[in-house]
Amino acid sequence: MKVEPGSDGGGFLWLRMDHGPDDTAASKTGWDAPAIRDTAWHTYTVTAEVPADATWYVFGVRLTGRAALWVDRSEEHTFEL
């Protein structure tokens, strides 16, 4: 990911896990991370422990300010312990 040069905002990578019959948000990760403001390509990760009763997860990027955020590739890795 990278931010376009001249941007005055930043980007964030986030992950949310939902649970229960009404898919209530169980936890969110990445919302309080420092904004991505680098104009060079870098790899960023978001990692979370998934609750046992999770029914759904959503991940993405968000943007603040006047900026353009570029994403080249996303990957999902699941590990069972």
Protein backbone atom coordinates (compact mmCIF):
# COMPACT_ATOMS: atom_id res chain seq x y z
CA MET A 1 0.00 0.00 0.00
CA LYS A 2 1.03 3.57 -0.49
CA VAL A 3 -0.45 7.07 -0.36
CA GLU A 4 -0.26 9.30 -3.40
CA PRO A 5 2.37 12.07 -3.09
CA GLY A 6 0.87 15.42 -2.08
CA SER A 7 -1.93 13.84 -0.03
CA ASP A 8 -2.76 15.46 3.29
CA GLY A 9 -4.59 12.42 4.65
CA GLY A 10 -3.71 8.81 5.31
CA GLY A 11 -4.92 5.25 5.03
CA PHE A 12 -5.72 2.47 7.45
CA LEU A 13 -5.95 -1.31 7.12
CA TRP A 14 -8.69 -2.81 9.32
CA LEU A 15 -10.38 -6.08 10.28
CA ARG A 16 -13.72 -6.65 12.03
CA MET A 17 -15.10 -9.94 13.41
CA ASP A 18 -18.86 -10.39 13.97
CA HIS A 19 -20.61 -12.99 16.10
CA GLY A 20 -24.02 -14.21 17.22
CA PRO A 21 -27.31 -14.62 15.39
CA ASP A 22 -27.50 -10.92 14.48
CA ASP A 23 -23.78 -10.64 13.52
CA THR A 24 -22.98 -8.11 16.24
CA ALA A 25 -19.47 -6.67 15.95
CA ALA A 26 -17.30 -8.68 18.33
CA SER A 27 -14.06 -6.79 17.79
CA LYS A 28 -12.32 -4.37 15.47
CA THR A 29 -8.60 -4.20 14.75
CA GLY A 30 -6.68 -1.44 13.01
CA TRP A 31 -8.99 1.49 13.78
CA ASP A 32 -6.53 3.03 16.24
CA ALA A 33 -3.34 2.29 14.27
CA PRO A 34 -1.19 5.17 12.99
CA ALA A 35 -2.22 6.39 9.54
CA ILE A 36 -0.28 5.07 6.55
CA ARG A 37 1.27 8.15 4.94
CA ASP A 38 4.25 6.69 3.10
CA THR A 39 4.39 7.38 -0.65
CA ALA A 40 6.55 4.30 -1.38
CA TRP A 41 5.18 0.77 -1.68
CA HIS A 42 5.27 -1.19 1.58
CA THR A 43 3.63 -4.33 2.92
CA TYR A 44 1.24 -3.82 5.84
CA THR A 45 -0.53 -6.46 7.92
CA VAL A 46 -3.41 -6.62 10.33
CA THR A 47 -3.50 -9.55 12.72
CA ALA A 48 -6.21 -10.59 15.14
CA GLU A 49 -7.28 -13.48 17.30
CA VAL A 50 -10.66 -14.61 16.01
CA PRO A 51 -13.26 -15.27 18.75
CA ALA A 52 -14.51 -18.88 18.86
CA ASP A 53 -18.09 -17.73 18.19
CA ALA A 54 -17.19 -15.54 15.19
CA THR A 55 -19.65 -15.91 12.32
CA TRP A 56 -18.25 -13.42 9.84
CA TYR A 57 -15.22 -11.24 9.24
CA VAL A 58 -14.70 -8.20 7.07
CA PHE A 59 -11.43 -6.52 6.15
CA GLY A 60 -10.58 -3.47 4.12
CA VAL A 61 -8.94 -0.09 3.94
CA ARG A 62 -10.22 3.33 4.91
CA LEU A 63 -9.02 6.79 4.06
CA THR A 64 -8.98 10.09 5.94
CA GLY A 65 -8.42 13.58 4.62
CA ARG A 66 -7.76 14.48 1.00
CA ALA A 67 -5.71 11.54 -0.17
CA ALA A 68 -5.48 8.67 -2.62
CA LEU A 69 -4.56 5.26 -1.27
CA TRP A 70 -3.18 2.57 -3.58
CA VAL A 71 -3.44 -1.17 -2.83
CA ASP A 72 -1.53 -3.54 -5.08
CA ARG A 73 -2.44 -6.95 -3.63
CA SER A 74 -4.24 -8.42 -0.64
CA GLU A 75 -3.86 -11.88 0.84
CA GLU A 76 -5.64 -13.79 3.55
CA HIS A 77 -3.85 -16.27 5.78
CA THR A 78 -5.62 -18.39 8.36
CA PHE A 79 -3.72 -20.25 11.05
CA GLU A 80 -5.17 -22.74 13.51
CA LEU A 81 -3.41 -23.30 16.79
